[in-house]
Amino acid sequence: VTTGLSLYLKMLLIDNLMHADLHPGNIMMQFGMGEKAVGKAPSSSRALLPLVASEQSARKMVFSLVDAGMVAQLTKEESTNFIGFLCTLGEGDGRLAGKFALRFSKENNLSEDQEAAFIDDMDAMFQERCKGYFHNVSVGNVLRGVLGLIRKHQVRVDANYATLVVNALCIESLAIRTCPSYNLLDGARPYLQSYKELCFNNKGEPKDDPNEFQKAMVK
């Protein structure tokens, strides 16, 4: 479960490249792989192998993503906006989550009153479903609530953001089936909090250098 979560977060936080069809049929687990196998991609150009594998897990299991014909190349703005949105789940901040969701498309032409109504509903939904880290938050339940409010308030969402949301739902579904006691949001906390501290100011706005997290990871 943790390897699958790391795979998703690596694509989102570091690569700015997201597999756009991340359903269970496109995720393969190979057991008994030796260290020499890590980094050797199969002959098919439609596979990504492996995206995440630690030295220890390399001897036991490798995750492979197949059918990479659908890949979303994220811009820095898209990546930063969505990661900022995920950070608000950990903080239980529905109002800030609403502001990030309004950035999911540049074509949103809502009035100030309409935006305020959407943010108020997001705040109310978070108070019910999302109290932050270590409160057993169901990411899927929160995201479904967000999608419902987006539909209610007619907030536009661009294709890449929709892909990111669907992938997050897929990852949580796989986690629940594999280890029901595992909480996806709590598992992602170290990465999300580090990203927030490095890339956002106290008002939730991106800092001048959105690549700070990638630079820190390289170091």
N, C-alpha and C. Protein backbone atom coordinates (compact mmCIF):
# COMPACT_ATOMS: atom_id res chain seq x y z
N VAL A 1 0.84 -1.20 0.00
CA VAL A 1 0.00 0.00 0.00
C VAL A 1 0.88 1.25 0.00
N THR A 2 1.90 1.26 0.85
CA THR A 2 2.76 2.44 0.92
C THR A 2 3.53 2.65 -0.38
N THR A 3 3.90 1.55 -1.04
CA THR A 3 4.60 1.68 -2.32
C THR A 3 3.68 2.27 -3.37
N GLY A 4 2.42 1.83 -3.38
CA GLY A 4 1.46 2.39 -4.33
C GLY A 4 1.21 3.86 -4.09
N LEU A 5 1.11 4.25 -2.81
CA LEU A 5 0.93 5.66 -2.48
C LEU A 5 2.16 6.46 -2.89
N SER A 6 3.35 5.91 -2.65
CA SER A 6 4.58 6.61 -3.04
C SER A 6 4.66 6.78 -4.54
N LEU A 7 4.19 5.79 -5.27
CA LEU A 7 4.17 5.88 -6.73
C LEU A 7 3.32 7.05 -7.18
N TYR A 8 2.12 7.16 -6.62
CA TYR A 8 1.21 8.26 -6.98
C TYR A 8 1.82 9.61 -6.61
N LEU A 9 2.37 9.70 -5.39
CA LEU A 9 2.92 10.98 -4.94
C LEU A 9 4.17 11.37 -5.72
N LYS A 10 4.98 10.39 -6.12
CA LYS A 10 6.16 10.70 -6.92
C LYS A 10 5.75 11.32 -8.25
N MET A 11 4.74 10.74 -8.89
CA MET A 11 4.27 11.29 -10.16
C MET A 11 3.77 12.72 -9.97
N LEU A 12 3.07 12.94 -8.86
CA LEU A 12 2.44 14.24 -8.62
C LEU A 12 3.43 15.28 -8.11
N LEU A 13 4.25 14.91 -7.12
CA LEU A 13 5.11 15.88 -6.45
C LEU A 13 6.42 16.15 -7.18
N ILE A 14 6.92 15.17 -7.89
CA ILE A 14 8.25 15.30 -8.47
C ILE A 14 8.23 15.30 -10.00
N ASP A 15 7.53 14.34 -10.59
CA ASP A 15 7.61 14.16 -12.05
C ASP A 15 6.73 15.12 -12.84
N ASN A 16 5.66 15.62 -12.23
CA ASN A 16 4.66 16.42 -12.96
C ASN A 16 4.13 15.65 -14.17
N LEU A 17 4.05 14.33 -14.00
CA LEU A 17 3.59 13.45 -15.07
C LEU A 17 2.69 12.41 -14.43
N MET A 18 1.46 12.31 -14.92
CA MET A 18 0.49 11.43 -14.27
C MET A 18 -0.10 10.44 -15.26
N HIS A 19 0.00 9.15 -14.93
CA HIS A 19 -0.69 8.13 -15.70
C HIS A 19 -2.18 8.46 -15.67
N ALA A 20 -2.79 8.53 -16.84
CA ALA A 20 -4.16 9.05 -16.92
C ALA A 20 -5.23 7.96 -16.95
N ASP A 21 -4.83 6.71 -16.70
CA ASP A 21 -5.81 5.62 -16.71
C ASP A 21 -5.41 4.62 -15.63
N LEU A 22 -5.35 5.10 -14.39
CA LEU A 22 -4.75 4.35 -13.30
C LEU A 22 -5.78 3.46 -12.59
N HIS A 23 -6.42 2.57 -13.35
CA HIS A 23 -7.35 1.62 -12.73
C HIS A 23 -6.59 0.33 -12.40
N PRO A 24 -7.15 -0.56 -11.58
CA PRO A 24 -6.42 -1.75 -11.13
C PRO A 24 -5.86 -2.61 -12.25
N GLY A 25 -6.55 -2.65 -13.39
CA GLY A 25 -6.07 -3.48 -14.50
C GLY A 25 -4.77 -2.99 -15.11
N ASN A 26 -4.40 -1.74 -14.83
CA ASN A 26 -3.17 -1.18 -15.38
C ASN A 26 -2.03 -1.12 -14.37
N ILE A 27 -2.25 -1.74 -13.20
CA ILE A 27 -1.21 -1.78 -12.17
C ILE A 27 -0.80 -3.23 -11.95
N MET A 28 0.46 -3.53 -12.21
CA MET A 28 0.97 -4.89 -12.05
C MET A 28 1.96 -4.94 -10.90
N MET A 29 1.93 -6.04 -10.16
CA MET A 29 2.86 -6.25 -9.06
C MET A 29 3.69 -7.48 -9.40
N GLN A 30 5.00 -7.30 -9.48
CA GLN A 30 5.90 -8.41 -9.81
C GLN A 30 6.72 -8.77 -8.58
N PHE A 31 6.62 -10.02 -8.18
CA PHE A 31 7.29 -10.48 -6.96
C PHE A 31 8.57 -11.23 -7.30
N GLY A 32 9.50 -11.23 -6.34
CA GLY A 32 10.73 -11.97 -6.51
C GLY A 32 11.69 -11.35 -7.49
N MET A 33 11.56 -10.03 -7.74
CA MET A 33 12.44 -9.36 -8.69
C MET A 33 13.79 -9.12 -8.03
N GLY A 34 14.88 -9.37 -8.72
CA GLY A 34 16.22 -9.10 -8.20
C GLY A 34 16.58 -7.65 -8.36
N GLU A 35 17.66 -7.24 -7.71
CA GLU A 35 18.08 -5.85 -7.78
C GLU A 35 18.42 -5.43 -9.20
N LYS A 36 18.97 -6.37 -10.00
CA LYS A 36 19.36 -6.04 -11.36
C LYS A 36 18.15 -5.73 -12.24
N ALA A 37 16.97 -6.17 -11.80
CA ALA A 37 15.79 -5.94 -12.62
C ALA A 37 15.29 -4.52 -12.50
N VAL A 38 15.65 -3.85 -11.39
CA VAL A 38 15.16 -2.50 -11.18
C VAL A 38 15.78 -1.56 -12.21
N GLY A 39 14.93 -0.81 -12.88
CA GLY A 39 15.40 0.14 -13.88
C GLY A 39 15.42 -0.42 -15.28
N LYS A 40 15.20 -1.73 -15.45
CA LYS A 40 15.15 -2.32 -16.78
C LYS A 40 13.71 -2.31 -17.27
N ALA A 41 13.42 -1.46 -18.20
CA ALA A 41 12.05 -1.37 -18.71
C ALA A 41 11.81 -2.48 -19.71
N PRO A 42 10.57 -3.03 -19.78
CA PRO A 42 10.25 -4.05 -20.76
C PRO A 42 10.26 -3.46 -22.16
N SER A 43 10.21 -4.34 -23.14
CA SER A 43 10.34 -3.89 -24.52
C SER A 43 9.17 -3.03 -24.97
N SER A 44 8.00 -3.23 -24.39
CA SER A 44 6.84 -2.45 -24.80
C SER A 44 7.02 -0.99 -24.43
N SER A 45 6.79 -0.10 -25.37
CA SER A 45 6.91 1.33 -25.11
C SER A 45 5.71 1.87 -24.37
N ARG A 46 4.71 1.01 -24.15
CA ARG A 46 3.50 1.43 -23.48
C ARG A 46 3.52 1.03 -22.01
N ALA A 47 4.70 0.80 -21.45
CA ALA A 47 4.81 0.44 -20.04
C ALA A 47 5.80 1.35 -19.35
N LEU A 48 5.57 1.58 -18.06
CA LEU A 48 6.48 2.35 -17.24
C LEU A 48 6.93 1.44 -16.10
N LEU A 49 8.19 1.04 -16.08
CA LEU A 49 8.67 0.09 -15.09
C LEU A 49 10.08 0.45 -14.67
N PRO A 50 10.35 0.58 -13.37
CA PRO A 50 9.34 0.86 -12.36
C PRO A 50 9.37 2.34 -12.07
N LEU A 51 8.36 2.87 -11.48
CA LEU A 51 8.35 4.28 -11.10
C LEU A 51 8.87 4.46 -9.68
N VAL A 52 8.58 3.51 -8.83
CA VAL A 52 9.04 3.60 -7.45
C VAL A 52 9.49 2.23 -7.00
N ALA A 53 10.70 2.13 -6.48
CA ALA A 53 11.16 0.87 -5.90
C ALA A 53 12.34 1.17 -5.00
N SER A 54 12.22 0.86 -3.72
CA SER A 54 13.35 1.05 -2.81
C SER A 54 14.30 -0.12 -2.96
N GLU A 55 15.51 0.02 -2.42
CA GLU A 55 16.49 -1.06 -2.53
C GLU A 55 15.98 -2.33 -1.88
N GLN A 56 15.26 -2.17 -0.77
CA GLN A 56 14.75 -3.34 -0.07
C GLN A 56 13.61 -3.98 -0.84
N SER A 57 12.67 -3.16 -1.32
CA SER A 57 11.51 -3.72 -2.02
C SER A 57 11.89 -4.26 -3.38
N ALA A 58 13.03 -3.79 -3.93
CA ALA A 58 13.46 -4.23 -5.25
C ALA A 58 13.68 -5.73 -5.29
N ARG A 59 14.12 -6.31 -4.17
CA ARG A 59 14.37 -7.74 -4.15
C ARG A 59 13.10 -8.53 -3.98
N LYS A 60 12.01 -7.87 -3.65
CA LYS A 60 10.77 -8.59 -3.35
C LYS A 60 9.64 -8.26 -4.33
N MET A 61 9.44 -6.97 -4.59
CA MET A 61 8.27 -6.59 -5.38
C MET A 61 8.55 -5.31 -6.16
N VAL A 62 8.07 -5.28 -7.38
CA VAL A 62 8.18 -4.08 -8.20
C VAL A 62 6.81 -3.75 -8.77
N PHE A 63 6.41 -2.49 -8.68
CA PHE A 63 5.17 -2.04 -9.28
C PHE A 63 5.43 -1.66 -10.74
N SER A 64 4.53 -2.07 -11.63
CA SER A 64 4.61 -1.68 -13.04
C SER A 64 3.30 -1.05 -13.45
N LEU A 65 3.37 0.07 -14.15
CA LEU A 65 2.18 0.68 -14.74
C LEU A 65 2.20 0.40 -16.23
N VAL A 66 1.14 -0.22 -16.73
CA VAL A 66 1.07 -0.54 -18.15
C VAL A 66 0.03 0.34 -18.82
N ASP A 67 0.00 0.29 -20.14
CA ASP A 67 -0.92 1.09 -20.95
C ASP A 67 -0.71 2.58 -20.69
N ALA A 68 0.51 3.02 -20.98
CA ALA A 68 0.84 4.43 -20.76
C ALA A 68 0.50 5.28 -21.96
N GLY A 69 -0.44 4.83 -22.78
CA GLY A 69 -0.85 5.63 -23.93
C GLY A 69 -1.61 6.88 -23.50
N MET A 70 -2.16 6.85 -22.28
CA MET A 70 -2.87 8.01 -21.74
C MET A 70 -2.06 8.56 -20.57
N VAL A 71 -1.38 9.66 -20.81
CA VAL A 71 -0.54 10.28 -19.78
C VAL A 71 -0.84 11.77 -19.73
N ALA A 72 -1.02 12.29 -18.54
CA ALA A 72 -1.28 13.73 -18.37
C ALA A 72 0.01 14.43 -17.98
N GLN A 73 0.48 15.32 -18.83
CA GLN A 73 1.65 16.14 -18.51
C GLN A 73 1.18 17.38 -17.76
N LEU A 74 1.54 17.47 -16.49
CA LEU A 74 1.04 18.56 -15.66
C LEU A 74 1.93 19.79 -15.78
N THR A 75 1.30 20.95 -15.85
CA THR A 75 2.07 22.19 -15.75
C THR A 75 2.42 22.43 -14.28
N LYS A 76 3.37 23.31 -14.02
CA LYS A 76 3.72 23.64 -12.63
C LYS A 76 2.51 24.18 -11.89
N GLU A 77 1.70 24.97 -12.58
CA GLU A 77 0.53 25.55 -11.94
C GLU A 77 -0.47 24.47 -11.56
N GLU A 78 -0.71 23.51 -12.47
CA GLU A 78 -1.65 22.43 -12.18
C GLU A 78 -1.17 21.58 -11.01
N SER A 79 0.11 21.23 -11.04
CA SER A 79 0.66 20.41 -9.98
C SER A 79 0.58 21.13 -8.63
N THR A 80 0.98 22.39 -8.61
CA THR A 80 0.97 23.16 -7.36
C THR A 80 -0.43 23.35 -6.83
N ASN A 81 -1.39 23.65 -7.71
CA ASN A 81 -2.78 23.84 -7.28
C ASN A 81 -3.35 22.57 -6.66
N PHE A 82 -3.11 21.43 -7.31
CA PHE A 82 -3.72 20.20 -6.79
C PHE A 82 -3.05 19.75 -5.51
N ILE A 83 -1.72 19.88 -5.44
CA ILE A 83 -1.04 19.53 -4.20
C ILE A 83 -1.49 20.44 -3.07
N GLY A 84 -1.65 21.73 -3.37
CA GLY A 84 -2.17 22.65 -2.37
C GLY A 84 -3.55 22.24 -1.90
N PHE A 85 -4.37 21.77 -2.83
CA PHE A 85 -5.70 21.28 -2.47
C PHE A 85 -5.61 20.08 -1.53
N LEU A 86 -4.72 19.12 -1.85
CA LEU A 86 -4.56 17.96 -0.99
C LEU A 86 -4.06 18.35 0.40
N CYS A 87 -3.21 19.36 0.46
CA CYS A 87 -2.72 19.84 1.76
C CYS A 87 -3.86 20.36 2.62
N THR A 88 -4.85 20.97 2.01
CA THR A 88 -5.98 21.49 2.78
C THR A 88 -6.80 20.36 3.41
N LEU A 89 -6.79 19.17 2.77
CA LEU A 89 -7.46 18.02 3.37
C LEU A 89 -6.78 17.65 4.69
N GLY A 90 -5.46 17.66 4.67
CA GLY A 90 -4.73 17.35 5.89
C GLY A 90 -4.93 18.37 6.98
N GLU A 91 -5.13 19.62 6.60
CA GLU A 91 -5.36 20.69 7.57
C GLU A 91 -6.82 20.81 7.97
N GLY A 92 -7.69 20.14 7.22
CA GLY A 92 -9.13 20.26 7.49
C GLY A 92 -9.66 21.65 7.21
N ASP A 93 -9.08 22.32 6.22
CA ASP A 93 -9.43 23.71 5.91
C ASP A 93 -10.32 23.76 4.66
N GLY A 94 -11.61 23.74 4.86
CA GLY A 94 -12.54 23.72 3.74
C GLY A 94 -12.57 25.01 2.95
N ARG A 95 -12.37 26.12 3.61
CA ARG A 95 -12.41 27.41 2.90
C ARG A 95 -11.23 27.53 1.93
N LEU A 96 -10.06 27.14 2.39
CA LEU A 96 -8.90 27.18 1.50
C LEU A 96 -9.02 26.13 0.40
N ALA A 97 -9.60 24.98 0.73
CA ALA A 97 -9.83 23.96 -0.29
C ALA A 97 -10.74 24.49 -1.39
N GLY A 98 -11.75 25.26 -1.00
CA GLY A 98 -12.65 25.85 -1.98
C GLY A 98 -11.92 26.81 -2.91
N LYS A 99 -11.00 27.58 -2.35
CA LYS A 99 -10.23 28.52 -3.17
C LYS A 99 -9.35 27.79 -4.16
N PHE A 100 -8.73 26.69 -3.73
CA PHE A 100 -7.91 25.91 -4.65
C PHE A 100 -8.78 25.28 -5.74
N ALA A 101 -9.96 24.77 -5.36
CA ALA A 101 -10.83 24.13 -6.34
C ALA A 101 -11.29 25.13 -7.41
N LEU A 102 -11.45 26.38 -7.03
CA LEU A 102 -11.85 27.40 -8.01
C LEU A 102 -10.74 27.67 -9.02
N ARG A 103 -9.52 27.23 -8.72
CA ARG A 103 -8.41 27.39 -9.66
C ARG A 103 -8.27 26.20 -10.60
N PHE A 104 -9.17 25.22 -10.50
CA PHE A 104 -9.05 24.02 -11.33
C PHE A 104 -9.37 24.30 -12.79
N SER A 105 -9.79 25.50 -13.10
CA SER A 105 -9.98 25.92 -14.49
C SER A 105 -9.88 27.43 -14.56
N LYS A 106 -9.21 27.91 -15.60
CA LYS A 106 -9.11 29.35 -15.81
C LYS A 106 -10.38 29.91 -16.44
N GLU A 107 -11.30 29.04 -16.80
CA GLU A 107 -12.54 29.47 -17.45
C GLU A 107 -13.69 29.63 -16.48
N ASN A 108 -13.41 29.57 -15.19
CA ASN A 108 -14.46 29.81 -14.21
C ASN A 108 -14.79 31.29 -14.17
N ASN A 109 -16.04 31.60 -14.49
CA ASN A 109 -16.48 33.00 -14.54
C ASN A 109 -17.57 33.26 -13.52
N LEU A 110 -17.38 32.73 -12.33
CA LEU A 110 -18.38 32.91 -11.28
C LEU A 110 -18.27 34.31 -10.68
N SER A 111 -19.39 34.82 -10.23
CA SER A 111 -19.38 36.11 -9.54
C SER A 111 -18.80 35.92 -8.14
N GLU A 112 -18.51 37.02 -7.48
CA GLU A 112 -17.97 36.94 -6.12
C GLU A 112 -18.96 36.25 -5.18
N ASP A 113 -20.25 36.53 -5.37
CA ASP A 113 -21.27 35.90 -4.52
C ASP A 113 -21.33 34.39 -4.78
N GLN A 114 -21.20 33.98 -6.04
CA GLN A 114 -21.22 32.56 -6.38
C GLN A 114 -20.00 31.85 -5.81
N GLU A 115 -18.84 32.48 -5.91
CA GLU A 115 -17.63 31.89 -5.35
C GLU A 115 -17.74 31.77 -3.83
N ALA A 116 -18.30 32.81 -3.19
CA ALA A 116 -18.45 32.79 -1.74
C ALA A 116 -19.40 31.67 -1.31
N ALA A 117 -20.47 31.45 -2.07
CA ALA A 117 -21.43 30.39 -1.75
C ALA A 117 -20.77 29.02 -1.87
N PHE A 118 -19.95 28.84 -2.90
CA PHE A 118 -19.24 27.58 -3.08
C PHE A 118 -18.27 27.33 -1.93
N ILE A 119 -17.52 28.36 -1.55
CA ILE A 119 -16.55 28.22 -0.46
C ILE A 119 -17.26 27.93 0.87
N ASP A 120 -18.41 28.57 1.10
CA ASP A 120 -19.18 28.31 2.32
C ASP A 120 -19.63 26.85 2.37
N ASP A 121 -20.10 26.32 1.24
CA ASP A 121 -20.54 24.92 1.20
C ASP A 121 -19.36 23.97 1.39
N MET A 122 -18.20 24.33 0.83
CA MET A 122 -17.00 23.52 1.04
C MET A 122 -16.63 23.49 2.52
N ASP A 123 -16.70 24.62 3.17
CA ASP A 123 -16.37 24.71 4.59
C ASP A 123 -17.31 23.83 5.41
N ALA A 124 -18.61 23.88 5.09
CA ALA A 124 -19.59 23.07 5.82
C ALA A 124 -19.35 21.58 5.59
N MET A 125 -19.02 21.21 4.35
CA MET A 125 -18.76 19.81 4.05
C MET A 125 -17.52 19.30 4.76
N PHE A 126 -16.48 20.13 4.82
CA PHE A 126 -15.25 19.73 5.52
C PHE A 126 -15.50 19.55 7.00
N GLN A 127 -16.32 20.40 7.60
CA GLN A 127 -16.61 20.27 9.02
C GLN A 127 -17.26 18.93 9.33
N GLU A 128 -17.96 18.39 8.35
CA GLU A 128 -18.64 17.10 8.53
C GLU A 128 -17.74 15.92 8.17
N ARG A 129 -16.96 16.05 7.08
CA ARG A 129 -16.25 14.89 6.53
C ARG A 129 -14.73 14.94 6.66
N CYS A 130 -14.16 16.11 6.89
CA CYS A 130 -12.70 16.22 6.79
C CYS A 130 -12.15 17.12 7.90
N LYS A 131 -11.74 16.49 8.99
CA LYS A 131 -11.20 17.25 10.13
C LYS A 131 -9.67 17.24 10.16
N GLY A 132 -9.05 16.69 9.11
CA GLY A 132 -7.60 16.75 9.01
C GLY A 132 -6.91 15.45 9.38
N TYR A 133 -5.60 15.51 9.46
CA TYR A 133 -4.78 14.34 9.77
C TYR A 133 -5.21 13.69 11.09
N PHE A 134 -5.10 12.36 11.12
CA PHE A 134 -5.33 11.55 12.32
C PHE A 134 -6.78 11.60 12.81
N HIS A 135 -7.69 11.90 11.88
CA HIS A 135 -9.12 11.82 12.20
C HIS A 135 -9.82 10.81 11.31
N ASN A 136 -9.05 9.85 10.80
CA ASN A 136 -9.58 8.78 9.97
C ASN A 136 -10.41 9.32 8.80
N VAL A 137 -9.87 10.32 8.13
CA VAL A 137 -10.56 10.95 7.01
C VAL A 137 -10.55 10.00 5.80
N SER A 138 -11.70 9.84 5.18
CA SER A 138 -11.79 9.08 3.94
C SER A 138 -11.60 10.06 2.78
N VAL A 139 -10.46 9.95 2.10
CA VAL A 139 -10.19 10.85 0.97
C VAL A 139 -11.26 10.71 -0.09
N GLY A 140 -11.66 9.47 -0.36
CA GLY A 140 -12.69 9.25 -1.37
C GLY A 140 -14.00 9.92 -1.01
N ASN A 141 -14.41 9.82 0.25
CA ASN A 141 -15.65 10.45 0.69
C ASN A 141 -15.58 11.96 0.54
N VAL A 142 -14.43 12.54 0.87
CA VAL A 142 -14.26 13.99 0.74
C VAL A 142 -14.28 14.40 -0.73
N LEU A 143 -13.54 13.67 -1.57
CA LEU A 143 -13.49 14.03 -2.99
C LEU A 143 -14.85 13.90 -3.65
N ARG A 144 -15.61 12.89 -3.27
CA ARG A 144 -16.96 12.77 -3.83
C ARG A 144 -17.83 13.94 -3.39
N GLY A 145 -17.63 14.39 -2.15
CA GLY A 145 -18.35 15.57 -1.70
C GLY A 145 -17.95 16.82 -2.46
N VAL A 146 -16.66 16.96 -2.74
CA VAL A 146 -16.17 18.09 -3.52
C VAL A 146 -16.77 18.07 -4.92
N LEU A 147 -16.77 16.90 -5.55
CA LEU A 147 -17.32 16.79 -6.90
C LEU A 147 -18.81 17.13 -6.92
N GLY A 148 -19.51 16.74 -5.86
CA GLY A 148 -20.93 17.08 -5.77
C GLY A 148 -21.15 18.58 -5.69
N LEU A 149 -20.32 19.27 -4.92
CA LEU A 149 -20.43 20.73 -4.79
C LEU A 149 -20.00 21.42 -6.08
N ILE A 150 -19.00 20.88 -6.75
CA ILE A 150 -18.58 21.44 -8.04
C ILE A 150 -19.72 21.37 -9.04
N ARG A 151 -20.43 20.25 -9.04
CA ARG A 151 -21.57 20.11 -9.94
C ARG A 151 -22.71 21.05 -9.52
N LYS A 152 -22.96 21.14 -8.23
CA LYS A 152 -24.04 22.00 -7.73
C LYS A 152 -23.81 23.47 -8.09
N HIS A 153 -22.58 23.93 -7.95
CA HIS A 153 -22.27 25.34 -8.16
C HIS A 153 -21.74 25.62 -9.57
N GLN A 154 -21.72 24.57 -10.40
CA GLN A 154 -21.30 24.71 -11.80
C GLN A 154 -19.88 25.30 -11.91
N VAL A 155 -18.99 24.73 -11.11
CA VAL A 155 -17.58 25.11 -11.16
C VAL A 155 -16.90 24.27 -12.23
N ARG A 156 -16.17 24.90 -13.11
CA ARG A 156 -15.48 24.18 -14.17
C ARG A 156 -14.22 23.49 -13.63
N VAL A 157 -13.91 22.32 -14.21
CA VAL A 157 -12.71 21.57 -13.86
C VAL A 157 -12.04 21.12 -15.15
N ASP A 158 -10.78 21.49 -15.33
CA ASP A 158 -10.05 21.07 -16.53
C ASP A 158 -9.71 19.58 -16.47
N ALA A 159 -9.40 19.02 -17.65
CA ALA A 159 -9.23 17.57 -17.79
C ALA A 159 -8.14 17.00 -16.88
N ASN A 160 -7.00 17.68 -16.77
CA ASN A 160 -5.91 17.15 -15.95
C ASN A 160 -6.29 17.07 -14.48
N TYR A 161 -7.04 18.06 -14.00
CA TYR A 161 -7.48 18.01 -12.60
C TYR A 161 -8.46 16.86 -12.38
N ALA A 162 -9.34 16.64 -13.36
CA ALA A 162 -10.27 15.52 -13.26
C ALA A 162 -9.51 14.20 -13.19
N THR A 163 -8.44 14.08 -13.99
CA THR A 163 -7.61 12.88 -13.96
C THR A 163 -6.97 12.68 -12.59
N LEU A 164 -6.48 13.75 -12.00
CA LEU A 164 -5.84 13.67 -10.68
C LEU A 164 -6.84 13.21 -9.61
N VAL A 165 -8.06 13.72 -9.69
CA VAL A 165 -9.08 13.33 -8.72
C VAL A 165 -9.43 11.85 -8.88
N VAL A 166 -9.66 11.41 -10.12
CA VAL A 166 -10.01 10.01 -10.37
C VAL A 166 -8.90 9.08 -9.92
N ASN A 167 -7.64 9.45 -10.19
CA ASN A 167 -6.51 8.63 -9.76
C ASN A 167 -6.45 8.52 -8.23
N ALA A 168 -6.70 9.62 -7.55
CA ALA A 168 -6.70 9.58 -6.08
C ALA A 168 -7.79 8.64 -5.57
N LEU A 169 -8.95 8.64 -6.22
CA LEU A 169 -10.03 7.72 -5.85
C LEU A 169 -9.62 6.28 -6.08
N CYS A 170 -8.92 6.03 -7.20
CA CYS A 170 -8.46 4.67 -7.51
C CYS A 170 -7.44 4.19 -6.47
N ILE A 171 -6.49 5.05 -6.11
CA ILE A 171 -5.47 4.67 -5.15
C ILE A 171 -6.09 4.36 -3.79
N GLU A 172 -7.06 5.18 -3.36
CA GLU A 172 -7.68 4.89 -2.07
C GLU A 172 -8.47 3.59 -2.12
N SER A 173 -9.15 3.33 -3.24
CA SER A 173 -9.91 2.09 -3.37
C SER A 173 -8.99 0.88 -3.27
N LEU A 174 -7.83 0.95 -3.93
CA LEU A 174 -6.87 -0.14 -3.86
C LEU A 174 -6.34 -0.30 -2.44
N ALA A 175 -6.09 0.81 -1.76
CA ALA A 175 -5.58 0.75 -0.39
C ALA A 175 -6.60 0.09 0.54
N ILE A 176 -7.86 0.43 0.37
CA ILE A 176 -8.91 -0.14 1.23
C ILE A 176 -9.02 -1.65 1.01
N ARG A 177 -8.91 -2.08 -0.25
CA ARG A 177 -9.00 -3.51 -0.54
C ARG A 177 -7.79 -4.27 -0.02
N THR A 178 -6.62 -3.63 -0.06
CA THR A 178 -5.40 -4.31 0.34
C THR A 178 -5.21 -4.29 1.85
N CYS A 179 -5.46 -3.13 2.46
CA CYS A 179 -5.26 -2.99 3.91
C CYS A 179 -6.30 -2.01 4.43
N PRO A 180 -7.47 -2.49 4.84
CA PRO A 180 -8.57 -1.60 5.24
C PRO A 180 -8.22 -0.63 6.35
N SER A 181 -7.25 -0.97 7.20
CA SER A 181 -6.91 -0.09 8.32
C SER A 181 -5.98 1.06 7.91
N TYR A 182 -5.46 1.01 6.68
CA TYR A 182 -4.50 2.04 6.24
C TYR A 182 -5.25 3.30 5.83
N ASN A 183 -4.79 4.45 6.33
CA ASN A 183 -5.41 5.73 5.97
C ASN A 183 -4.52 6.47 4.99
N LEU A 184 -5.06 6.72 3.81
CA LEU A 184 -4.28 7.31 2.73
C LEU A 184 -3.78 8.70 3.08
N LEU A 185 -4.64 9.52 3.67
CA LEU A 185 -4.25 10.90 3.99
C LEU A 185 -3.14 10.93 5.04
N ASP A 186 -3.26 10.12 6.07
CA ASP A 186 -2.24 10.07 7.11
C ASP A 186 -0.92 9.55 6.54
N GLY A 187 -1.01 8.59 5.61
CA GLY A 187 0.20 8.05 5.00
C GLY A 187 0.94 9.08 4.16
N ALA A 188 0.18 10.01 3.57
CA ALA A 188 0.78 11.04 2.72
C ALA A 188 1.25 12.26 3.51
N ARG A 189 0.97 12.29 4.80
CA ARG A 189 1.23 13.49 5.61
C ARG A 189 2.67 14.00 5.54
N PRO A 190 3.70 13.14 5.68
CA PRO A 190 5.07 13.68 5.64
C PRO A 190 5.39 14.41 4.34
N TYR A 191 4.92 13.85 3.22
CA TYR A 191 5.19 14.46 1.93
C TYR A 191 4.43 15.77 1.77
N LEU A 192 3.14 15.74 2.12
CA LEU A 192 2.30 16.93 1.93
C LEU A 192 2.75 18.07 2.84
N GLN A 193 3.08 17.75 4.08
CA GLN A 193 3.51 18.81 4.99
C GLN A 193 4.85 19.40 4.56
N SER A 194 5.75 18.56 4.08
CA SER A 194 7.04 19.07 3.59
C SER A 194 6.84 19.96 2.39
N TYR A 195 5.96 19.54 1.48
CA TYR A 195 5.69 20.34 0.28
C TYR A 195 5.08 21.68 0.69
N LYS A 196 4.15 21.64 1.62
CA LYS A 196 3.50 22.88 2.05
C LYS A 196 4.50 23.85 2.65
N GLU A 197 5.39 23.36 3.51
CA GLU A 197 6.37 24.23 4.16
C GLU A 197 7.35 24.83 3.16
N LEU A 198 7.70 24.06 2.13
CA LEU A 198 8.70 24.51 1.16
C LEU A 198 8.10 25.39 0.06
N CYS A 199 6.84 25.15 -0.29
CA CYS A 199 6.30 25.74 -1.52
C CYS A 199 5.14 26.71 -1.32
N PHE A 200 4.60 26.84 -0.10
CA PHE A 200 3.48 27.74 0.13
C PHE A 200 3.78 28.67 1.30
N ASN A 201 3.21 29.89 1.22
CA ASN A 201 3.35 30.81 2.34
C ASN A 201 2.20 30.59 3.32
N ASN A 202 2.14 31.40 4.36
CA ASN A 202 1.14 31.22 5.41
C ASN A 202 -0.29 31.46 4.93
N LYS A 203 -0.45 32.15 3.80
CA LYS A 203 -1.78 32.42 3.25
C LYS A 203 -2.23 31.34 2.27
N GLY A 204 -1.40 30.32 2.08
CA GLY A 204 -1.75 29.26 1.15
C GLY A 204 -1.43 29.57 -0.29
N GLU A 205 -0.68 30.64 -0.52
CA GLU A 205 -0.30 31.02 -1.88
C GLU A 205 1.07 30.42 -2.21
N PRO A 206 1.26 29.98 -3.48
CA PRO A 206 2.56 29.41 -3.86
C PRO A 206 3.68 30.44 -3.72
N LYS A 207 4.84 29.98 -3.27
CA LYS A 207 6.00 30.84 -3.19
C LYS A 207 6.56 31.10 -4.59
N ASP A 208 7.54 31.98 -4.67
CA ASP A 208 8.07 32.39 -5.97
C ASP A 208 8.68 31.23 -6.74
N ASP A 209 9.30 30.28 -6.04
CA ASP A 209 9.95 29.15 -6.71
C ASP A 209 9.16 27.88 -6.43
N PRO A 210 8.29 27.44 -7.38
CA PRO A 210 7.49 26.25 -7.17
C PRO A 210 8.29 24.96 -7.25
N ASN A 211 9.58 25.05 -7.61
CA ASN A 211 10.41 23.86 -7.74
C ASN A 211 11.19 23.55 -6.48
N GLU A 212 10.91 24.25 -5.38
CA GLU A 212 11.69 24.10 -4.16
C GLU A 212 11.64 22.67 -3.64
N PHE A 213 10.48 22.04 -3.73
CA PHE A 213 10.35 20.67 -3.23
C PHE A 213 11.19 19.71 -4.05
N GLN A 214 11.15 19.85 -5.39
CA GLN A 214 11.95 18.99 -6.24
C GLN A 214 13.43 19.16 -5.96
N LYS A 215 13.87 20.39 -5.73
CA LYS A 215 15.27 20.65 -5.43
C LYS A 215 15.68 19.98 -4.12
N ALA A 216 14.79 20.06 -3.13
CA ALA A 216 15.08 19.43 -1.84
C ALA A 216 15.17 17.92 -1.96
N MET A 217 14.30 17.32 -2.80
CA MET A 217 14.32 15.88 -2.98
C MET A 217 15.59 15.43 -3.67
N VAL A 218 16.07 16.22 -4.61
CA VAL A 218 17.30 15.87 -5.31
C VAL A 218 18.48 15.88 -4.36
N LYS A 219 18.50 16.90 -3.47
CA LYS A 219 19.57 16.96 -2.48
C LYS A 219 19.55 15.77 -1.53
